[in-house]
Amino acid sequence: MLRLASILYSIISTSLAGTAVIAVLVAGYDTLVPILVAAGIGALIALPVSWLVAREIAGSSFMR
């Protein structure tokens, strides 16, 4: 399941980090530090999200 979670992390982290960066830019913070913090927070949030998604995929009848 770790391999599945790591593959999902590569997709989920870019999506969440990109969404966080766009949210920060829309809010008017256009300097380097808020953009990097938002990208980092998005990447950190993606860790448990990808693990939960992998667990749900592995537990479904689709993978059996």
PDB file of N, CA and C in Angstrom:
ATOM      1  N   MET A   1       0.816  -1.191   0.000  1.00  0.00           N
ATOM      2  CA  MET A   1       0.000   0.000   0.000  1.00  0.00           C
ATOM      3  C   MET A   1       0.864   1.260   0.000  1.00  0.00           C
ATOM      4  N   LEU A   2       2.093   1.143   0.490  1.00  0.00           N
ATOM      5  CA  LEU A   2       2.986   2.299   0.501  1.00  0.00           C
ATOM      6  C   LEU A   2       3.326   2.750  -0.916  1.00  0.00           C
ATOM      7  N   ARG A   3       3.488   1.795  -1.816  1.00  0.00           N
ATOM      8  CA  ARG A   3       3.788   2.152  -3.200  1.00  0.00           C
ATOM      9  C   ARG A   3       2.611   2.881  -3.844  1.00  0.00           C
ATOM     10  N   LEU A   4       1.413   2.414  -3.593  1.00  0.00           N
ATOM     11  CA  LEU A   4       0.220   3.080  -4.110  1.00  0.00           C
ATOM     12  C   LEU A   4       0.083   4.478  -3.522  1.00  0.00           C
ATOM     13  N   ALA A   5       0.342   4.615  -2.233  1.00  0.00           N
ATOM     14  CA  ALA A   5       0.251   5.926  -1.585  1.00  0.00           C
ATOM     15  C   ALA A   5       1.289   6.890  -2.144  1.00  0.00           C
ATOM     16  N   SER A   6       2.475   6.405  -2.441  1.00  0.00           N
ATOM     17  CA  SER A   6       3.494   7.299  -2.987  1.00  0.00           C
ATOM     18  C   SER A   6       3.173   7.731  -4.406  1.00  0.00           C
ATOM     19  N   ILE A   7       2.581   6.852  -5.181  1.00  0.00           N
ATOM     20  CA  ILE A   7       2.153   7.235  -6.529  1.00  0.00           C
ATOM     21  C   ILE A   7       1.030   8.263  -6.452  1.00  0.00           C
ATOM     22  N   LEU A   8       0.087   8.015  -5.558  1.00  0.00           N
ATOM     23  CA  LEU A   8      -1.004   8.978  -5.381  1.00  0.00           C
ATOM     24  C   LEU A   8      -0.498  10.307  -4.837  1.00  0.00           C
ATOM     25  N   TYR A   9       0.522  10.271  -3.976  1.00  0.00           N
ATOM     26  CA  TYR A   9       1.074  11.505  -3.411  1.00  0.00           C
ATOM     27  C   TYR A   9       1.629  12.412  -4.502  1.00  0.00           C
ATOM     28  N   SER A  10       2.236  11.827  -5.514  1.00  0.00           N
ATOM     29  CA  SER A  10       2.796  12.656  -6.583  1.00  0.00           C
ATOM     30  C   SER A  10       1.709  13.432  -7.324  1.00  0.00           C
ATOM     31  N   ILE A  11       0.535  12.898  -7.373  1.00  0.00           N
ATOM     32  CA  ILE A  11      -0.574  13.590  -8.038  1.00  0.00           C
ATOM     33  C   ILE A  11      -1.304  14.515  -7.071  1.00  0.00           C
ATOM     34  N   ILE A  12      -1.585  14.022  -5.876  1.00  0.00           N
ATOM     35  CA  ILE A  12      -2.368  14.785  -4.902  1.00  0.00           C
ATOM     36  C   ILE A  12      -1.587  15.989  -4.384  1.00  0.00           C
ATOM     37  N   SER A  13      -0.284  15.823  -4.166  1.00  0.00           N
ATOM     38  CA  SER A  13       0.499  16.935  -3.618  1.00  0.00           C
ATOM     39  C   SER A  13       0.595  18.097  -4.603  1.00  0.00           C
ATOM     40  N   THR A  14       0.767  17.801  -5.874  1.00  0.00           N
ATOM     41  CA  THR A  14       0.828  18.898  -6.842  1.00  0.00           C
ATOM     42  C   THR A  14      -0.522  19.603  -6.951  1.00  0.00           C
ATOM     43  N   SER A  15      -1.589  18.841  -6.845  1.00  0.00           N
ATOM     44  CA  SER A  15      -2.914  19.454  -6.917  1.00  0.00           C
ATOM     45  C   SER A  15      -3.191  20.344  -5.710  1.00  0.00           C
ATOM     46  N   LEU A  16      -2.910  19.834  -4.504  1.00  0.00           N
ATOM     47  CA  LEU A  16      -3.179  20.622  -3.307  1.00  0.00           C
ATOM     48  C   LEU A  16      -2.230  21.810  -3.170  1.00  0.00           C
ATOM     49  N   ALA A  17      -0.967  21.613  -3.510  1.00  0.00           N
ATOM     50  CA  ALA A  17      -0.011  22.723  -3.441  1.00  0.00           C
ATOM     51  C   ALA A  17      -0.371  23.800  -4.459  1.00  0.00           C
ATOM     52  N   GLY A  18      -0.751  23.393  -5.647  1.00  0.00           N
ATOM     53  CA  GLY A  18      -1.158  24.362  -6.664  1.00  0.00           C
ATOM     54  C   GLY A  18      -2.417  25.112  -6.277  1.00  0.00           C
ATOM     55  N   THR A  19      -3.356  24.409  -5.694  1.00  0.00           N
ATOM     56  CA  THR A  19      -4.582  25.055  -5.232  1.00  0.00           C
ATOM     57  C   THR A  19      -4.292  26.052  -4.124  1.00  0.00           C
ATOM     58  N   ALA A  20      -3.402  25.695  -3.208  1.00  0.00           N
ATOM     59  CA  ALA A  20      -3.043  26.604  -2.125  1.00  0.00           C
ATOM     60  C   ALA A  20      -2.317  27.844  -2.653  1.00  0.00           C
ATOM     61  N   VAL A  21      -1.451  27.663  -3.613  1.00  0.00           N
ATOM     62  CA  VAL A  21      -0.745  28.809  -4.209  1.00  0.00           C
ATOM     63  C   VAL A  21      -1.728  29.728  -4.916  1.00  0.00           C
ATOM     64  N   ILE A  22      -2.661  29.178  -5.638  1.00  0.00           N
ATOM     65  CA  ILE A  22      -3.661  30.002  -6.313  1.00  0.00           C
ATOM     66  C   ILE A  22      -4.509  30.755  -5.301  1.00  0.00           C
ATOM     67  N   ALA A  23      -4.873  30.088  -4.207  1.00  0.00           N
ATOM     68  CA  ALA A  23      -5.660  30.758  -3.166  1.00  0.00           C
ATOM     69  C   ALA A  23      -4.886  31.915  -2.546  1.00  0.00           C
ATOM     70  N   VAL A  24      -3.597  31.733  -2.323  1.00  0.00           N
ATOM     71  CA  VAL A  24      -2.769  32.797  -1.759  1.00  0.00           C
ATOM     72  C   VAL A  24      -2.641  33.958  -2.748  1.00  0.00           C
ATOM     73  N   LEU A  25      -2.467  33.647  -4.013  1.00  0.00           N
ATOM     74  CA  LEU A  25      -2.356  34.711  -5.010  1.00  0.00           C
ATOM     75  C   LEU A  25      -3.661  35.482  -5.162  1.00  0.00           C
ATOM     76  N   VAL A  26      -4.777  34.794  -5.115  1.00  0.00           N
ATOM     77  CA  VAL A  26      -6.075  35.459  -5.206  1.00  0.00           C
ATOM     78  C   VAL A  26      -6.300  36.354  -3.991  1.00  0.00           C
ATOM     79  N   ALA A  27      -5.783  35.929  -2.840  1.00  0.00           N
ATOM     80  CA  ALA A  27      -5.932  36.723  -1.621  1.00  0.00           C
ATOM     81  C   ALA A  27      -5.062  37.975  -1.641  1.00  0.00           C
ATOM     82  N   GLY A  28      -4.168  38.079  -2.601  1.00  0.00           N
ATOM     83  CA  GLY A  28      -3.367  39.285  -2.745  1.00  0.00           C
ATOM     84  C   GLY A  28      -1.947  39.182  -2.225  1.00  0.00           C
ATOM     85  N   TYR A  29      -1.556  38.029  -1.748  1.00  0.00           N
ATOM     86  CA  TYR A  29      -0.190  37.833  -1.273  1.00  0.00           C
ATOM     87  C   TYR A  29       0.662  37.363  -2.453  1.00  0.00           C
ATOM     88  N   ASP A  30       1.440  38.289  -3.015  1.00  0.00           N
ATOM     89  CA  ASP A  30       2.182  37.953  -4.221  1.00  0.00           C
ATOM     90  C   ASP A  30       3.695  38.006  -4.043  1.00  0.00           C
ATOM     91  N   THR A  31       4.151  37.835  -2.809  1.00  0.00           N
ATOM     92  CA  THR A  31       5.590  37.763  -2.583  1.00  0.00           C
ATOM     93  C   THR A  31       6.013  36.303  -2.431  1.00  0.00           C
ATOM     94  N   LEU A  32       7.304  36.092  -2.335  1.00  0.00           N
ATOM     95  CA  LEU A  32       7.836  34.732  -2.347  1.00  0.00           C
ATOM     96  C   LEU A  32       7.456  33.923  -1.117  1.00  0.00           C
ATOM     97  N   VAL A  33       7.548  34.507   0.050  1.00  0.00           N
ATOM     98  CA  VAL A  33       7.337  33.747   1.290  1.00  0.00           C
ATOM     99  C   VAL A  33       5.923  33.174   1.396  1.00  0.00           C
ATOM    100  N   PRO A  34       4.864  33.950   1.191  1.00  0.00           N
ATOM    101  CA  PRO A  34       3.521  33.337   1.282  1.00  0.00           C
ATOM    102  C   PRO A  34       3.283  32.254   0.231  1.00  0.00           C
ATOM    103  N   ILE A  35       3.865  32.409  -0.936  1.00  0.00           N
ATOM    104  CA  ILE A  35       3.694  31.398  -1.982  1.00  0.00           C
ATOM    105  C   ILE A  35       4.389  30.101  -1.582  1.00  0.00           C
ATOM    106  N   LEU A  36       5.607  30.199  -1.048  1.00  0.00           N
ATOM    107  CA  LEU A  36       6.326  29.002  -0.618  1.00  0.00           C
ATOM    108  C   LEU A  36       5.662  28.335   0.581  1.00  0.00           C
ATOM    109  N   VAL A  37       5.148  29.137   1.506  1.00  0.00           N
ATOM    110  CA  VAL A  37       4.450  28.568   2.664  1.00  0.00           C
ATOM    111  C   VAL A  37       3.189  27.840   2.219  1.00  0.00           C
ATOM    112  N   ALA A  38       2.445  28.425   1.311  1.00  0.00           N
ATOM    113  CA  ALA A  38       1.232  27.774   0.818  1.00  0.00           C
ATOM    114  C   ALA A  38       1.555  26.475   0.095  1.00  0.00           C
ATOM    115  N   ALA A  39       2.612  26.470  -0.705  1.00  0.00           N
ATOM    116  CA  ALA A  39       3.006  25.244  -1.402  1.00  0.00           C
ATOM    117  C   ALA A  39       3.445  24.178  -0.406  1.00  0.00           C
ATOM    118  N   GLY A  40       4.163  24.565   0.619  1.00  0.00           N
ATOM    119  CA  GLY A  40       4.594  23.613   1.637  1.00  0.00           C
ATOM    120  C   GLY A  40       3.438  23.042   2.431  1.00  0.00           C
ATOM    121  N   ILE A  41       2.492  23.892   2.789  1.00  0.00           N
ATOM    122  CA  ILE A  41       1.317  23.415   3.523  1.00  0.00           C
ATOM    123  C   ILE A  41       0.502  22.457   2.662  1.00  0.00           C
ATOM    124  N   GLY A  42       0.365  22.783   1.386  1.00  0.00           N
ATOM    125  CA  GLY A  42      -0.351  21.877   0.485  1.00  0.00           C
ATOM    126  C   GLY A  42       0.326  20.528   0.363  1.00  0.00           C
ATOM    127  N   ALA A  43       1.663  20.529   0.323  1.00  0.00           N
ATOM    128  CA  ALA A  43       2.405  19.265   0.242  1.00  0.00           C
ATOM    129  C   ALA A  43       2.281  18.468   1.536  1.00  0.00           C
ATOM    130  N   LEU A  44       2.257  19.149   2.672  1.00  0.00           N
ATOM    131  CA  LEU A  44       2.105  18.449   3.952  1.00  0.00           C
ATOM    132  C   LEU A  44       0.708  17.867   4.125  1.00  0.00           C
ATOM    133  N   ILE A  45      -0.283  18.612   3.704  1.00  0.00           N
ATOM    134  CA  ILE A  45      -1.663  18.112   3.804  1.00  0.00           C
ATOM    135  C   ILE A  45      -1.868  16.909   2.886  1.00  0.00           C
ATOM    136  N   ALA A  46      -1.109  16.849   1.811  1.00  0.00           N
ATOM    137  CA  ALA A  46      -1.257  15.750   0.860  1.00  0.00           C
ATOM    138  C   ALA A  46      -0.785  14.415   1.417  1.00  0.00           C
ATOM    139  N   LEU A  47       0.075  14.425   2.425  1.00  0.00           N
ATOM    140  CA  LEU A  47       0.558  13.158   3.000  1.00  0.00           C
ATOM    141  C   LEU A  47      -0.576  12.307   3.583  1.00  0.00           C
ATOM    142  N   PRO A  48      -1.353  12.818   4.542  1.00  0.00           N
ATOM    143  CA  PRO A  48      -2.437  11.971   5.056  1.00  0.00           C
ATOM    144  C   PRO A  48      -3.554  11.748   4.041  1.00  0.00           C
ATOM    145  N   VAL A  49      -3.765  12.710   3.170  1.00  0.00           N
ATOM    146  CA  VAL A  49      -4.821  12.549   2.161  1.00  0.00           C
ATOM    147  C   VAL A  49      -4.480  11.397   1.221  1.00  0.00           C
ATOM    148  N   SER A  50      -3.238  11.338   0.768  1.00  0.00           N
ATOM    149  CA  SER A  50      -2.853  10.251  -0.137  1.00  0.00           C
ATOM    150  C   SER A  50      -2.884   8.899   0.567  1.00  0.00           C
ATOM    151  N   TRP A  51      -2.544   8.872   1.855  1.00  0.00           N
ATOM    152  CA  TRP A  51      -2.615   7.617   2.603  1.00  0.00           C
ATOM    153  C   TRP A  51      -4.063   7.147   2.741  1.00  0.00           C
ATOM    154  N   LEU A  52      -4.971   8.089   3.024  1.00  0.00           N
ATOM    155  CA  LEU A  52      -6.387   7.726   3.143  1.00  0.00           C
ATOM    156  C   LEU A  52      -6.965   7.258   1.817  1.00  0.00           C
ATOM    157  N   VAL A  53      -6.606   7.927   0.739  1.00  0.00           N
ATOM    158  CA  VAL A  53      -7.102   7.521  -0.581  1.00  0.00           C
ATOM    159  C   VAL A  53      -6.560   6.142  -0.940  1.00  0.00           C
ATOM    160  N   ALA A  54      -5.282   5.883  -0.658  1.00  0.00           N
ATOM    161  CA  ALA A  54      -4.695   4.571  -0.951  1.00  0.00           C
ATOM    162  C   ALA A  54      -5.365   3.480  -0.130  1.00  0.00           C
ATOM    163  N   ARG A  55      -5.668   3.785   1.130  1.00  0.00           N
ATOM    164  CA  ARG A  55      -6.341   2.793   1.977  1.00  0.00           C
ATOM    165  C   ARG A  55      -7.733   2.481   1.449  1.00  0.00           C
ATOM    166  N   GLU A  56      -8.444   3.495   0.983  1.00  0.00           N
ATOM    167  CA  GLU A  56      -9.771   3.266   0.437  1.00  0.00           C
ATOM    168  C   GLU A  56      -9.710   2.479  -0.872  1.00  0.00           C
ATOM    169  N   ILE A  57      -8.722   2.775  -1.704  1.00  0.00           N
ATOM    170  CA  ILE A  57      -8.590   2.029  -2.953  1.00  0.00           C
ATOM    171  C   ILE A  57      -8.200   0.583  -2.668  1.00  0.00           C
ATOM    172  N   ALA A  58      -7.261   0.372  -1.773  1.00  0.00           N
ATOM    173  CA  ALA A  58      -6.817  -0.995  -1.457  1.00  0.00           C
ATOM    174  C   ALA A  58      -7.910  -1.803  -0.767  1.00  0.00           C
ATOM    175  N   GLY A  59      -8.784  -1.139  -0.031  1.00  0.00           N
ATOM    176  CA  GLY A  59      -9.853  -1.838   0.662  1.00  0.00           C
ATOM    177  C   GLY A  59     -11.075  -2.095  -0.180  1.00  0.00           C
ATOM    178  N   SER A  60     -11.143  -1.485  -1.341  1.00  0.00           N
ATOM    179  CA  SER A  60     -12.336  -1.656  -2.173  1.00  0.00           C
ATOM    180  C   SER A  60     -12.280  -2.981  -2.911  1.00  0.00           C
ATOM    181  N   SER A  61     -13.402  -3.428  -3.394  1.00  0.00           N
ATOM    182  CA  SER A  61     -13.474  -4.679  -4.125  1.00  0.00           C
ATOM    183  C   SER A  61     -12.863  -4.549  -5.522  1.00  0.00           C
ATOM    184  N   PHE A  62     -12.562  -3.329  -5.944  1.00  0.00           N
ATOM    185  CA  PHE A  62     -11.966  -3.106  -7.258  1.00  0.00           C
ATOM    186  C   PHE A  62     -10.584  -3.730  -7.359  1.00  0.00           C
ATOM    187  N   MET A  63      -9.818  -3.698  -6.262  1.00  0.00           N
ATOM    188  CA  MET A  63      -8.442  -4.188  -6.288  1.00  0.00           C
ATOM    189  C   MET A  63      -8.354  -5.705  -6.041  1.00  0.00           C
ATOM    190  N   ARG A  64      -9.415  -6.360  -5.737  1.00  0.00           N
ATOM    191  CA  ARG A  64      -9.377  -7.787  -5.420  1.00  0.00           C
ATOM    192  C   ARG A  64      -9.538  -8.641  -6.638  1.00  0.00           C
TER     193      ARG A  64
END
